[in-house]
Amino acid sequence: MTERQFLLDALTKGDSWRMFKILAEFVEGFDALSDLYPCVTIFGSARANPGDEIYEKTVEIAKKLAQNGYHIITGGGPGIMEAGNKGAQEGGGKSIGLNIILPMEQALNPYVDVNLEFEYFFVRKVMFIKYAQAYIGMPGGFGTLDEIFEALTLIQTKRIKPFPVILVGSWYWNSLGDWIRNTLLKSNFISPEDMDLVNIVDHPDEVVKIIKHTVVV
């Protein structure tokens, strides 16, 4: 799909017909994912490459989680998403990819067992949240930050049941944690207990330990 075709489609579809497409995406997602438990969703940069430290660490984390009975959900694309799906397969768990259709199409990585494609970001986000028992944020960009902060907002406002939100890589995430503590908390824009919603760790075994402590297989 070209960018022009993508934009024309968005402009010319009537709202009533668009609702059927949205409903269909929800139904397909619910049908495909409802029997998969427990699941851990992994986010991170699509620009990471095999051999990069964060790529290989993601493979290790996903593999260890799969070996402990957890299925892995990613966005289905390259980079950290690919690493998560690869680790899931190596560890014997289900490897789930929730791919998004974009003007510059995101190619599905070769390690996905359960593949779902979405046109609407908000439907895809519901699937990430609804079927995850934990979130892992590897180093990433705007998309990673968007998903992590949405989960934190829903947990903070008690719209969803609390689950572990784990950020891997203190070298990457500590400065964000400092900004939250020194700016948001000091300005009284969040409460002191909100700081406990996030875990920043470095070692794959720490990730597995936190999730196993909270999410019973």
N, C-alpha and C. Protein backbone atom coordinates (compact mmCIF):
# COMPACT_ATOMS: atom_id res chain seq x y z
N MET A 1 0.84 -1.19 0.00
CA MET A 1 0.00 0.00 0.00
C MET A 1 0.88 1.24 0.00
N THR A 2 0.69 2.12 -1.00
CA THR A 2 1.47 3.35 -1.06
C THR A 2 0.93 4.35 -0.04
N GLU A 3 1.76 5.40 0.24
CA GLU A 3 1.32 6.41 1.20
C GLU A 3 0.08 7.13 0.68
N ARG A 4 0.03 7.38 -0.64
CA ARG A 4 -1.13 8.07 -1.22
C ARG A 4 -2.39 7.22 -1.07
N GLN A 5 -2.28 5.92 -1.37
CA GLN A 5 -3.43 5.02 -1.23
C GLN A 5 -3.89 4.95 0.22
N PHE A 6 -2.92 4.92 1.15
CA PHE A 6 -3.23 4.85 2.57
C PHE A 6 -4.02 6.08 3.01
N LEU A 7 -3.58 7.27 2.58
CA LEU A 7 -4.25 8.50 2.95
C LEU A 7 -5.63 8.61 2.31
N LEU A 8 -5.73 8.21 1.04
CA LEU A 8 -7.02 8.25 0.36
C LEU A 8 -8.02 7.32 1.03
N ASP A 9 -7.53 6.15 1.44
CA ASP A 9 -8.40 5.20 2.11
C ASP A 9 -8.93 5.80 3.42
N ALA A 10 -8.05 6.45 4.16
CA ALA A 10 -8.45 7.05 5.43
C ALA A 10 -9.46 8.17 5.23
N LEU A 11 -9.35 8.89 4.11
CA LEU A 11 -10.24 10.02 3.87
C LEU A 11 -11.58 9.62 3.27
N THR A 12 -11.60 8.55 2.48
CA THR A 12 -12.80 8.22 1.72
C THR A 12 -13.69 7.19 2.39
N LYS A 13 -13.18 6.42 3.33
CA LYS A 13 -14.01 5.44 4.02
C LYS A 13 -15.06 6.17 4.86
N GLY A 14 -16.31 5.78 4.71
CA GLY A 14 -17.34 6.36 5.56
C GLY A 14 -17.22 5.86 6.97
N ASP A 15 -17.64 6.68 7.92
CA ASP A 15 -17.50 6.31 9.32
C ASP A 15 -18.28 5.04 9.65
N SER A 16 -19.45 4.86 9.06
CA SER A 16 -20.25 3.67 9.36
C SER A 16 -19.54 2.41 8.92
N TRP A 17 -18.99 2.42 7.70
CA TRP A 17 -18.27 1.25 7.22
C TRP A 17 -16.97 1.04 8.00
N ARG A 18 -16.35 2.11 8.43
CA ARG A 18 -15.12 2.00 9.20
C ARG A 18 -15.39 1.26 10.52
N MET A 19 -16.57 1.46 11.09
CA MET A 19 -16.91 0.78 12.33
C MET A 19 -16.92 -0.74 12.16
N PHE A 20 -17.36 -1.22 11.00
CA PHE A 20 -17.36 -2.66 10.75
C PHE A 20 -15.92 -3.20 10.71
N LYS A 21 -15.03 -2.43 10.10
CA LYS A 21 -13.63 -2.83 10.04
C LYS A 21 -13.02 -2.86 11.44
N ILE A 22 -13.33 -1.85 12.24
CA ILE A 22 -12.82 -1.80 13.61
C ILE A 22 -13.34 -2.99 14.41
N LEU A 23 -14.64 -3.26 14.29
CA LEU A 23 -15.24 -4.39 15.00
C LEU A 23 -14.60 -5.70 14.58
N ALA A 24 -14.35 -5.85 13.28
CA ALA A 24 -13.74 -7.08 12.77
C ALA A 24 -12.35 -7.29 13.36
N GLU A 25 -11.59 -6.20 13.50
CA GLU A 25 -10.26 -6.33 14.07
C GLU A 25 -10.33 -6.74 15.54
N PHE A 26 -11.29 -6.19 16.28
CA PHE A 26 -11.47 -6.61 17.67
C PHE A 26 -11.83 -8.09 17.76
N VAL A 27 -12.79 -8.52 16.94
CA VAL A 27 -13.25 -9.91 16.98
C VAL A 27 -12.11 -10.87 16.64
N GLU A 28 -11.35 -10.55 15.59
CA GLU A 28 -10.24 -11.41 15.19
C GLU A 28 -9.20 -11.51 16.31
N GLY A 29 -8.90 -10.38 16.93
CA GLY A 29 -7.93 -10.39 18.01
C GLY A 29 -8.41 -11.19 19.21
N PHE A 30 -9.66 -10.98 19.62
CA PHE A 30 -10.20 -11.72 20.76
C PHE A 30 -10.19 -13.22 20.49
N ASP A 31 -10.60 -13.61 19.29
CA ASP A 31 -10.65 -15.04 18.96
C ASP A 31 -9.27 -15.68 18.98
N ALA A 32 -8.28 -14.95 18.48
CA ALA A 32 -6.93 -15.52 18.34
C ALA A 32 -6.17 -15.57 19.66
N LEU A 33 -6.45 -14.65 20.56
CA LEU A 33 -5.61 -14.51 21.75
C LEU A 33 -6.26 -14.97 23.05
N SER A 34 -7.55 -15.22 23.03
CA SER A 34 -8.27 -15.47 24.29
C SER A 34 -7.79 -16.72 25.02
N ASP A 35 -7.25 -17.70 24.31
CA ASP A 35 -6.81 -18.95 24.96
C ASP A 35 -5.33 -18.94 25.33
N LEU A 36 -4.64 -17.85 25.06
CA LEU A 36 -3.20 -17.79 25.33
C LEU A 36 -2.94 -17.13 26.69
N TYR A 37 -2.42 -17.91 27.63
CA TYR A 37 -2.13 -17.41 28.97
C TYR A 37 -1.01 -18.27 29.57
N PRO A 38 -0.11 -17.63 30.30
CA PRO A 38 0.09 -16.19 30.49
C PRO A 38 0.98 -15.62 29.39
N CYS A 39 0.84 -14.33 29.13
CA CYS A 39 1.61 -13.66 28.08
C CYS A 39 2.37 -12.47 28.64
N VAL A 40 3.53 -12.24 28.08
CA VAL A 40 4.34 -11.06 28.39
C VAL A 40 4.58 -10.29 27.10
N THR A 41 4.30 -9.00 27.12
CA THR A 41 4.49 -8.17 25.94
C THR A 41 5.83 -7.46 26.03
N ILE A 42 6.58 -7.50 24.94
CA ILE A 42 7.90 -6.86 24.87
C ILE A 42 7.88 -5.76 23.82
N PHE A 43 8.32 -4.56 24.24
CA PHE A 43 8.44 -3.42 23.33
C PHE A 43 9.90 -3.01 23.22
N GLY A 44 10.23 -2.32 22.14
CA GLY A 44 11.58 -1.79 21.97
C GLY A 44 11.80 -1.36 20.54
N SER A 45 12.98 -0.86 20.28
CA SER A 45 13.28 -0.25 18.99
C SER A 45 13.22 -1.24 17.83
N ALA A 46 12.59 -0.81 16.74
CA ALA A 46 12.59 -1.60 15.51
C ALA A 46 13.94 -1.50 14.80
N ARG A 47 14.81 -0.63 15.27
CA ARG A 47 16.09 -0.38 14.59
C ARG A 47 17.25 -1.18 15.17
N ALA A 48 17.00 -1.97 16.19
CA ALA A 48 18.05 -2.83 16.72
C ALA A 48 18.33 -3.97 15.75
N ASN A 49 19.57 -4.40 15.70
CA ASN A 49 19.99 -5.45 14.77
C ASN A 49 20.55 -6.66 15.49
N PRO A 50 20.45 -7.84 14.87
CA PRO A 50 21.10 -9.02 15.46
C PRO A 50 22.57 -8.72 15.74
N GLY A 51 23.02 -9.12 16.91
CA GLY A 51 24.38 -8.82 17.32
C GLY A 51 24.47 -7.64 18.26
N ASP A 52 23.49 -6.71 18.18
CA ASP A 52 23.45 -5.60 19.14
C ASP A 52 23.17 -6.15 20.53
N GLU A 53 23.72 -5.49 21.53
CA GLU A 53 23.54 -5.96 22.91
C GLU A 53 22.07 -6.04 23.30
N ILE A 54 21.29 -5.02 22.94
CA ILE A 54 19.88 -5.03 23.36
C ILE A 54 19.08 -6.08 22.60
N TYR A 55 19.46 -6.35 21.36
CA TYR A 55 18.79 -7.41 20.59
C TYR A 55 19.04 -8.76 21.25
N GLU A 56 20.31 -9.06 21.51
CA GLU A 56 20.65 -10.37 22.07
C GLU A 56 20.11 -10.53 23.49
N LYS A 57 20.07 -9.44 24.25
CA LYS A 57 19.51 -9.52 25.60
C LYS A 57 18.01 -9.80 25.53
N THR A 58 17.34 -9.22 24.55
CA THR A 58 15.91 -9.47 24.37
C THR A 58 15.64 -10.93 24.03
N VAL A 59 16.46 -11.49 23.16
CA VAL A 59 16.33 -12.92 22.83
C VAL A 59 16.46 -13.75 24.10
N GLU A 60 17.44 -13.41 24.92
CA GLU A 60 17.68 -14.18 26.16
C GLU A 60 16.50 -14.06 27.12
N ILE A 61 15.98 -12.84 27.28
CA ILE A 61 14.85 -12.63 28.19
C ILE A 61 13.63 -13.41 27.71
N ALA A 62 13.31 -13.28 26.43
CA ALA A 62 12.14 -13.98 25.89
C ALA A 62 12.30 -15.49 25.99
N LYS A 63 13.49 -15.98 25.72
CA LYS A 63 13.74 -17.42 25.82
C LYS A 63 13.55 -17.93 27.25
N LYS A 64 14.10 -17.20 28.21
CA LYS A 64 13.97 -17.60 29.61
C LYS A 64 12.50 -17.57 30.05
N LEU A 65 11.77 -16.55 29.63
CA LEU A 65 10.36 -16.48 29.98
C LEU A 65 9.58 -17.63 29.36
N ALA A 66 9.87 -17.93 28.10
CA ALA A 66 9.18 -19.04 27.43
C ALA A 66 9.48 -20.36 28.12
N GLN A 67 10.72 -20.55 28.53
CA GLN A 67 11.09 -21.78 29.24
C GLN A 67 10.37 -21.90 30.58
N ASN A 68 9.92 -20.77 31.11
CA ASN A 68 9.20 -20.77 32.38
C ASN A 68 7.68 -20.74 32.19
N GLY A 69 7.23 -20.94 30.94
CA GLY A 69 5.80 -21.10 30.71
C GLY A 69 5.05 -19.88 30.21
N TYR A 70 5.78 -18.82 29.83
CA TYR A 70 5.12 -17.60 29.37
C TYR A 70 5.20 -17.49 27.84
N HIS A 71 4.10 -17.06 27.23
CA HIS A 71 4.09 -16.74 25.80
C HIS A 71 4.54 -15.29 25.62
N ILE A 72 5.04 -15.00 24.43
CA ILE A 72 5.60 -13.66 24.17
C ILE A 72 4.80 -12.96 23.08
N ILE A 73 4.39 -11.73 23.37
CA ILE A 73 3.71 -10.87 22.40
C ILE A 73 4.63 -9.72 22.02
N THR A 74 4.75 -9.44 20.73
CA THR A 74 5.46 -8.26 20.26
C THR A 74 4.64 -7.61 19.15
N GLY A 75 5.19 -6.53 18.62
CA GLY A 75 4.54 -5.86 17.49
C GLY A 75 4.76 -6.57 16.17
N GLY A 76 5.51 -7.66 16.16
CA GLY A 76 5.64 -8.50 14.97
C GLY A 76 6.64 -8.04 13.94
N GLY A 77 7.26 -6.89 14.14
CA GLY A 77 8.17 -6.34 13.14
C GLY A 77 9.63 -6.70 13.41
N PRO A 78 10.54 -5.86 12.92
CA PRO A 78 11.98 -6.11 13.07
C PRO A 78 12.51 -5.63 14.42
N GLY A 79 13.83 -5.70 14.58
CA GLY A 79 14.48 -5.16 15.77
C GLY A 79 14.15 -5.94 17.02
N ILE A 80 13.80 -5.21 18.08
CA ILE A 80 13.48 -5.83 19.36
C ILE A 80 12.28 -6.76 19.23
N MET A 81 11.33 -6.40 18.37
CA MET A 81 10.17 -7.27 18.16
C MET A 81 10.62 -8.63 17.63
N GLU A 82 11.48 -8.62 16.65
CA GLU A 82 12.02 -9.87 16.10
C GLU A 82 12.76 -10.66 17.18
N ALA A 83 13.56 -9.96 17.98
CA ALA A 83 14.33 -10.63 19.02
C ALA A 83 13.41 -11.31 20.04
N GLY A 84 12.32 -10.63 20.40
CA GLY A 84 11.37 -11.22 21.34
C GLY A 84 10.70 -12.46 20.78
N ASN A 85 10.30 -12.40 19.53
CA ASN A 85 9.67 -13.56 18.89
C ASN A 85 10.66 -14.70 18.71
N LYS A 86 11.89 -14.37 18.39
CA LYS A 86 12.93 -15.40 18.23
C LYS A 86 13.17 -16.12 19.56
N GLY A 87 13.30 -15.35 20.63
CA GLY A 87 13.51 -15.96 21.94
C GLY A 87 12.35 -16.83 22.37
N ALA A 88 11.13 -16.40 22.04
CA ALA A 88 9.95 -17.19 22.38
C ALA A 88 10.00 -18.55 21.70
N GLN A 89 10.34 -18.57 20.44
CA GLN A 89 10.43 -19.84 19.71
C GLN A 89 11.55 -20.71 20.27
N GLU A 90 12.69 -20.11 20.57
CA GLU A 90 13.81 -20.89 21.10
C GLU A 90 13.48 -21.48 22.46
N GLY A 91 12.63 -20.80 23.23
CA GLY A 91 12.29 -21.27 24.56
C GLY A 91 11.07 -22.18 24.59
N GLY A 92 10.45 -22.41 23.42
CA GLY A 92 9.31 -23.32 23.37
C GLY A 92 7.98 -22.71 23.71
N GLY A 93 7.89 -21.38 23.73
CA GLY A 93 6.62 -20.72 23.99
C GLY A 93 5.96 -20.27 22.70
N LYS A 94 4.72 -19.80 22.81
CA LYS A 94 4.04 -19.24 21.65
C LYS A 94 4.64 -17.87 21.33
N SER A 95 4.88 -17.63 20.06
CA SER A 95 5.46 -16.38 19.59
C SER A 95 4.39 -15.62 18.82
N ILE A 96 3.94 -14.50 19.39
CA ILE A 96 2.78 -13.78 18.86
C ILE A 96 3.22 -12.42 18.31
N GLY A 97 2.80 -12.09 17.11
CA GLY A 97 3.13 -10.82 16.49
C GLY A 97 1.88 -10.05 16.12
N LEU A 98 1.71 -8.86 16.70
CA LEU A 98 0.58 -7.99 16.39
C LEU A 98 1.07 -6.89 15.46
N ASN A 99 1.03 -7.18 14.18
CA ASN A 99 1.62 -6.30 13.18
C ASN A 99 0.68 -5.13 12.86
N ILE A 100 1.26 -3.98 12.51
CA ILE A 100 0.47 -2.81 12.15
C ILE A 100 0.70 -2.47 10.68
N ILE A 101 -0.38 -2.17 9.98
CA ILE A 101 -0.29 -1.80 8.57
C ILE A 101 0.00 -0.31 8.48
N LEU A 102 1.14 0.04 7.89
CA LEU A 102 1.57 1.43 7.79
C LEU A 102 1.80 1.80 6.32
N PRO A 103 1.84 3.12 6.02
CA PRO A 103 2.13 3.53 4.64
C PRO A 103 3.42 2.92 4.12
N MET A 104 4.48 2.96 4.94
CA MET A 104 5.71 2.24 4.62
C MET A 104 5.63 0.94 5.42
N GLU A 105 5.16 -0.11 4.76
CA GLU A 105 4.71 -1.30 5.48
C GLU A 105 5.80 -1.93 6.33
N GLN A 106 5.41 -2.30 7.54
CA GLN A 106 6.29 -3.00 8.45
C GLN A 106 6.27 -4.48 8.09
N ALA A 107 7.43 -5.02 7.78
CA ALA A 107 7.50 -6.43 7.40
C ALA A 107 7.44 -7.32 8.63
N LEU A 108 6.66 -8.39 8.54
CA LEU A 108 6.57 -9.35 9.62
C LEU A 108 7.88 -10.11 9.74
N ASN A 109 8.37 -10.27 10.97
CA ASN A 109 9.61 -11.02 11.15
C ASN A 109 9.34 -12.53 11.03
N PRO A 110 10.37 -13.32 10.78
CA PRO A 110 10.17 -14.75 10.48
C PRO A 110 9.97 -15.64 11.70
N TYR A 111 9.88 -15.07 12.90
CA TYR A 111 9.80 -15.89 14.11
C TYR A 111 8.42 -15.87 14.77
N VAL A 112 7.41 -15.47 14.02
CA VAL A 112 6.06 -15.33 14.57
C VAL A 112 5.25 -16.60 14.32
N ASP A 113 4.62 -17.14 15.37
CA ASP A 113 3.73 -18.29 15.24
C ASP A 113 2.28 -17.85 15.02
N VAL A 114 1.86 -16.86 15.79
CA VAL A 114 0.49 -16.34 15.71
C VAL A 114 0.57 -14.91 15.19
N ASN A 115 0.08 -14.71 13.97
CA ASN A 115 0.21 -13.40 13.32
C ASN A 115 -1.16 -12.73 13.18
N LEU A 116 -1.26 -11.50 13.67
CA LEU A 116 -2.46 -10.69 13.48
C LEU A 116 -2.04 -9.34 12.89
N GLU A 117 -2.81 -8.86 11.92
CA GLU A 117 -2.52 -7.57 11.31
C GLU A 117 -3.62 -6.57 11.66
N PHE A 118 -3.19 -5.35 11.99
CA PHE A 118 -4.13 -4.32 12.39
C PHE A 118 -3.94 -3.07 11.54
N GLU A 119 -5.04 -2.44 11.20
CA GLU A 119 -4.99 -1.15 10.52
C GLU A 119 -5.07 -0.02 11.54
N TYR A 120 -5.68 -0.30 12.69
CA TYR A 120 -5.93 0.75 13.67
C TYR A 120 -5.05 0.54 14.90
N PHE A 121 -4.26 1.57 15.21
CA PHE A 121 -3.36 1.49 16.35
C PHE A 121 -4.11 1.23 17.65
N PHE A 122 -5.26 1.87 17.83
CA PHE A 122 -5.95 1.75 19.11
C PHE A 122 -6.48 0.34 19.34
N VAL A 123 -6.87 -0.37 18.27
CA VAL A 123 -7.32 -1.76 18.43
C VAL A 123 -6.12 -2.63 18.83
N ARG A 124 -5.02 -2.41 18.17
CA ARG A 124 -3.79 -3.15 18.48
C ARG A 124 -3.37 -2.91 19.94
N LYS A 125 -3.49 -1.67 20.41
CA LYS A 125 -3.13 -1.35 21.78
C LYS A 125 -4.00 -2.11 22.79
N VAL A 126 -5.27 -2.24 22.46
CA VAL A 126 -6.17 -3.00 23.34
C VAL A 126 -5.67 -4.44 23.46
N MET A 127 -5.23 -5.03 22.35
CA MET A 127 -4.76 -6.41 22.38
C MET A 127 -3.49 -6.54 23.22
N PHE A 128 -2.57 -5.58 23.08
CA PHE A 128 -1.35 -5.60 23.91
C PHE A 128 -1.71 -5.59 25.39
N ILE A 129 -2.62 -4.70 25.77
CA ILE A 129 -2.96 -4.53 27.18
C ILE A 129 -3.81 -5.70 27.70
N LYS A 130 -4.83 -6.07 26.94
CA LYS A 130 -5.82 -7.05 27.41
C LYS A 130 -5.21 -8.41 27.68
N TYR A 131 -4.24 -8.81 26.85
CA TYR A 131 -3.74 -10.18 26.96
C TYR A 131 -2.34 -10.27 27.56
N ALA A 132 -1.83 -9.17 28.11
CA ALA A 132 -0.51 -9.19 28.74
C ALA A 132 -0.65 -9.29 30.25
N GLN A 133 0.19 -10.10 30.85
CA GLN A 133 0.28 -10.15 32.31
C GLN A 133 1.50 -9.38 32.82
N ALA A 134 2.31 -8.89 31.88
CA ALA A 134 3.46 -8.05 32.22
C ALA A 134 3.92 -7.33 30.96
N TYR A 135 4.53 -6.15 31.15
CA TYR A 135 5.12 -5.38 30.05
C TYR A 135 6.62 -5.27 30.27
N ILE A 136 7.37 -5.47 29.20
CA ILE A 136 8.81 -5.25 29.23
C ILE A 136 9.15 -4.17 28.21
N GLY A 137 9.83 -3.13 28.66
CA GLY A 137 10.29 -2.08 27.76
C GLY A 137 11.79 -2.16 27.59
N MET A 138 12.24 -2.55 26.43
CA MET A 138 13.64 -2.47 26.07
C MET A 138 13.90 -1.05 25.54
N PRO A 139 15.15 -0.64 25.38
CA PRO A 139 15.41 0.67 24.81
C PRO A 139 14.69 0.85 23.47
N GLY A 140 14.01 1.97 23.32
CA GLY A 140 13.25 2.21 22.10
C GLY A 140 12.86 3.67 21.99
N GLY A 141 12.07 3.97 20.97
CA GLY A 141 11.71 5.35 20.66
C GLY A 141 10.32 5.73 21.10
N PHE A 142 9.67 6.59 20.30
CA PHE A 142 8.36 7.12 20.67
C PHE A 142 7.33 6.02 20.87
N GLY A 143 7.34 5.00 20.00
CA GLY A 143 6.35 3.93 20.12
C GLY A 143 6.49 3.18 21.43
N THR A 144 7.73 2.89 21.83
CA THR A 144 7.97 2.21 23.10
C THR A 144 7.49 3.06 24.27
N LEU A 145 7.84 4.34 24.25
CA LEU A 145 7.42 5.25 25.32
C LEU A 145 5.89 5.35 25.38
N ASP A 146 5.26 5.40 24.22
CA ASP A 146 3.81 5.49 24.14
C ASP A 146 3.15 4.30 24.82
N GLU A 147 3.60 3.11 24.49
CA GLU A 147 3.00 1.89 25.06
C GLU A 147 3.24 1.80 26.57
N ILE A 148 4.45 2.12 27.01
CA ILE A 148 4.78 2.03 28.43
C ILE A 148 3.96 3.02 29.24
N PHE A 149 3.89 4.27 28.77
CA PHE A 149 3.17 5.28 29.54
C PHE A 149 1.65 5.05 29.50
N GLU A 150 1.15 4.47 28.43
CA GLU A 150 -0.28 4.15 28.41
C GLU A 150 -0.60 3.10 29.47
N ALA A 151 0.25 2.07 29.57
CA ALA A 151 0.04 1.04 30.59
C ALA A 151 0.11 1.65 31.99
N LEU A 152 1.10 2.51 32.22
CA LEU A 152 1.24 3.13 33.54
C LEU A 152 0.03 4.00 33.87
N THR A 153 -0.49 4.70 32.88
CA THR A 153 -1.67 5.54 33.10
C THR A 153 -2.88 4.69 33.48
N LEU A 154 -3.08 3.58 32.76
CA LEU A 154 -4.23 2.71 33.04
C LEU A 154 -4.11 2.04 34.41
N ILE A 155 -2.90 1.68 34.79
CA ILE A 155 -2.68 1.10 36.12
C ILE A 155 -2.89 2.16 37.19
N GLN A 156 -2.31 3.34 36.98
CA GLN A 156 -2.43 4.44 37.95
C GLN A 156 -3.88 4.83 38.20
N THR A 157 -4.67 4.85 37.14
CA THR A 157 -6.07 5.27 37.26
C THR A 157 -7.01 4.09 37.55
N LYS A 158 -6.40 2.92 37.78
CA LYS A 158 -7.16 1.71 38.15
C LYS A 158 -8.17 1.30 37.09
N ARG A 159 -7.82 1.55 35.83
CA ARG A 159 -8.66 1.09 34.73
C ARG A 159 -8.35 -0.35 34.36
N ILE A 160 -7.16 -0.83 34.73
CA ILE A 160 -6.80 -2.22 34.51
C ILE A 160 -6.17 -2.75 35.79
N LYS A 161 -6.13 -4.07 35.91
CA LYS A 161 -5.49 -4.70 37.06
C LYS A 161 -3.99 -4.45 36.98
N PRO A 162 -3.34 -4.09 38.08
CA PRO A 162 -1.89 -3.83 38.04
C PRO A 162 -1.11 -5.05 37.57
N PHE A 163 -0.09 -4.80 36.77
CA PHE A 163 0.84 -5.85 36.38
C PHE A 163 2.24 -5.26 36.31
N PRO A 164 3.28 -6.10 36.31
CA PRO A 164 4.64 -5.58 36.30
C PRO A 164 4.95 -4.81 35.01
N VAL A 165 5.54 -3.64 35.17
CA VAL A 165 6.07 -2.87 34.04
C VAL A 165 7.58 -2.77 34.28
N ILE A 166 8.34 -3.43 33.43
CA ILE A 166 9.77 -3.59 33.65
C ILE A 166 10.54 -2.93 32.51
N LEU A 167 11.43 -2.01 32.85
CA LEU A 167 12.27 -1.34 31.87
C LEU A 167 13.68 -1.92 31.99
N VAL A 168 14.19 -2.44 30.89
CA VAL A 168 15.47 -3.15 30.91
C VAL A 168 16.56 -2.25 30.32
N GLY A 169 17.61 -2.00 31.12
CA GLY A 169 18.72 -1.18 30.68
C GLY A 169 18.81 0.11 31.48
N SER A 170 19.44 0.05 32.64
CA SER A 170 19.53 1.25 33.49
C SER A 170 20.25 2.38 32.78
N TRP A 171 21.20 2.06 31.92
CA TRP A 171 21.93 3.09 31.18
C TRP A 171 20.99 3.91 30.31
N TYR A 172 19.88 3.32 29.90
CA TYR A 172 18.93 3.99 29.02
C TYR A 172 17.79 4.63 29.79
N TRP A 173 17.30 3.94 30.82
CA TRP A 173 16.06 4.35 31.48
C TRP A 173 16.26 5.17 32.75
N ASN A 174 17.45 5.13 33.37
CA ASN A 174 17.62 5.83 34.64
C ASN A 174 17.38 7.33 34.53
N SER A 175 17.81 7.93 33.42
CA SER A 175 17.61 9.37 33.26
C SER A 175 16.13 9.72 33.16
N LEU A 176 15.33 8.84 32.55
CA LEU A 176 13.89 9.05 32.51
C LEU A 176 13.30 8.92 33.92
N GLY A 177 13.77 7.93 34.66
CA GLY A 177 13.31 7.77 36.04
C GLY A 177 13.66 8.99 36.89
N ASP A 178 14.86 9.53 36.69
CA ASP A 178 15.27 10.73 37.42
C ASP A 178 14.37 11.91 37.07
N TRP A 179 14.03 12.05 35.79
CA TRP A 179 13.16 13.16 35.37
C TRP A 179 11.76 13.01 35.99
N ILE A 180 11.25 11.80 36.00
CA ILE A 180 9.94 11.57 36.61
C ILE A 180 9.98 11.94 38.10
N ARG A 181 11.06 11.50 38.77
CA ARG A 181 11.18 11.75 40.22
C ARG A 181 11.41 13.23 40.51
N ASN A 182 12.30 13.86 39.76
CA ASN A 182 12.72 15.23 40.06
C ASN A 182 11.80 16.30 39.48
N THR A 183 10.98 15.92 38.50
CA THR A 183 10.11 16.91 37.87
C THR A 183 8.64 16.62 38.15
N LEU A 184 8.17 15.44 37.75
CA LEU A 184 6.76 15.12 37.96
C LEU A 184 6.41 15.00 39.44
N LEU A 185 7.21 14.23 40.17
CA LEU A 185 6.90 14.00 41.58
C LEU A 185 7.07 15.29 42.39
N LYS A 186 8.16 16.01 42.15
CA LYS A 186 8.39 17.25 42.90
C LYS A 186 7.35 18.31 42.58
N SER A 187 6.75 18.24 41.40
CA SER A 187 5.70 19.19 41.03
C SER A 187 4.33 18.73 41.49
N ASN A 188 4.28 17.58 42.19
CA ASN A 188 3.03 16.99 42.67
C ASN A 188 2.09 16.61 41.52
N PHE A 189 2.66 16.28 40.36
CA PHE A 189 1.84 15.83 39.23
C PHE A 189 1.61 14.33 39.28
N ILE A 190 2.39 13.62 40.08
CA ILE A 190 2.14 12.21 40.38
C ILE A 190 2.31 12.03 41.89
N SER A 191 1.88 10.87 42.40
CA SER A 191 1.99 10.58 43.82
C SER A 191 3.24 9.74 44.09
N PRO A 192 3.77 9.78 45.32
CA PRO A 192 4.97 8.99 45.63
C PRO A 192 4.82 7.51 45.29
N GLU A 193 3.62 6.95 45.52
CA GLU A 193 3.43 5.53 45.24
C GLU A 193 3.47 5.20 43.75
N ASP A 194 3.28 6.21 42.91
CA ASP A 194 3.35 5.97 41.47
C ASP A 194 4.75 5.56 41.02
N MET A 195 5.75 5.96 41.81
CA MET A 195 7.12 5.59 41.47
C MET A 195 7.33 4.07 41.57
N ASP A 196 6.46 3.40 42.31
CA ASP A 196 6.59 1.95 42.48
C ASP A 196 6.00 1.16 41.31
N LEU A 197 5.39 1.85 40.36
CA LEU A 197 4.76 1.16 39.24
C LEU A 197 5.77 0.66 38.22
N VAL A 198 7.01 1.15 38.29
CA VAL A 198 8.02 0.81 37.29
C VAL A 198 9.22 0.16 37.96
N ASN A 199 9.74 -0.89 37.32
CA ASN A 199 10.98 -1.52 37.75
C ASN A 199 12.04 -1.31 36.68
N ILE A 200 13.19 -0.78 37.05
CA ILE A 200 14.31 -0.64 36.11
C ILE A 200 15.37 -1.65 36.49
N VAL A 201 15.69 -2.57 35.57
CA VAL A 201 16.63 -3.65 35.86
C VAL A 201 17.60 -3.80 34.68
N ASP A 202 18.59 -4.65 34.88
CA ASP A 202 19.59 -4.87 33.83
C ASP A 202 19.71 -6.33 33.40
N HIS A 203 19.52 -7.25 34.33
CA HIS A 203 19.82 -8.65 34.04
C HIS A 203 18.55 -9.42 33.67
N PRO A 204 18.63 -10.28 32.67
CA PRO A 204 17.45 -11.10 32.29
C PRO A 204 16.85 -11.88 33.45
N ASP A 205 17.69 -12.39 34.36
CA ASP A 205 17.16 -13.16 35.49
C ASP A 205 16.32 -12.28 36.42
N GLU A 206 16.65 -10.99 36.51
CA GLU A 206 15.84 -10.08 37.32
C GLU A 206 14.44 -9.93 36.72
N VAL A 207 14.39 -9.86 35.40
CA VAL A 207 13.11 -9.75 34.72
C VAL A 207 12.25 -10.97 35.01
N VAL A 208 12.82 -12.14 34.85
CA VAL A 208 12.08 -13.38 35.08
C VAL A 208 11.62 -13.48 36.53
N LYS A 209 12.49 -13.11 37.46
CA LYS A 209 12.16 -13.19 38.88
C LYS A 209 10.96 -12.31 39.23
N ILE A 210 10.94 -11.07 38.72
CA ILE A 210 9.83 -10.15 39.00
C ILE A 210 8.52 -10.71 38.44
N ILE A 211 8.57 -11.21 37.22
CA ILE A 211 7.36 -11.71 36.59
C ILE A 211 6.86 -12.98 37.27
N LYS A 212 7.77 -13.89 37.59
CA LYS A 212 7.36 -15.13 38.27
C LYS A 212 6.78 -14.85 39.64
N HIS A 213 7.29 -13.83 40.30
CA HIS A 213 6.78 -13.47 41.63
C HIS A 213 5.34 -12.95 41.56
N THR A 214 5.01 -12.34 40.43
CA THR A 214 3.71 -11.66 40.30
C THR A 214 2.70 -12.47 39.50
N VAL A 215 3.17 -13.15 38.45
CA VAL A 215 2.28 -13.83 37.52
C VAL A 215 2.47 -15.34 37.63
N VAL A 216 1.47 -16.00 38.17
CA VAL A 216 1.55 -17.46 38.37
C VAL A 216 1.19 -18.16 37.07
N VAL A 217 2.04 -19.11 36.67
CA VAL A 217 1.79 -19.90 35.46
C VAL A 217 0.79 -20.99 35.77
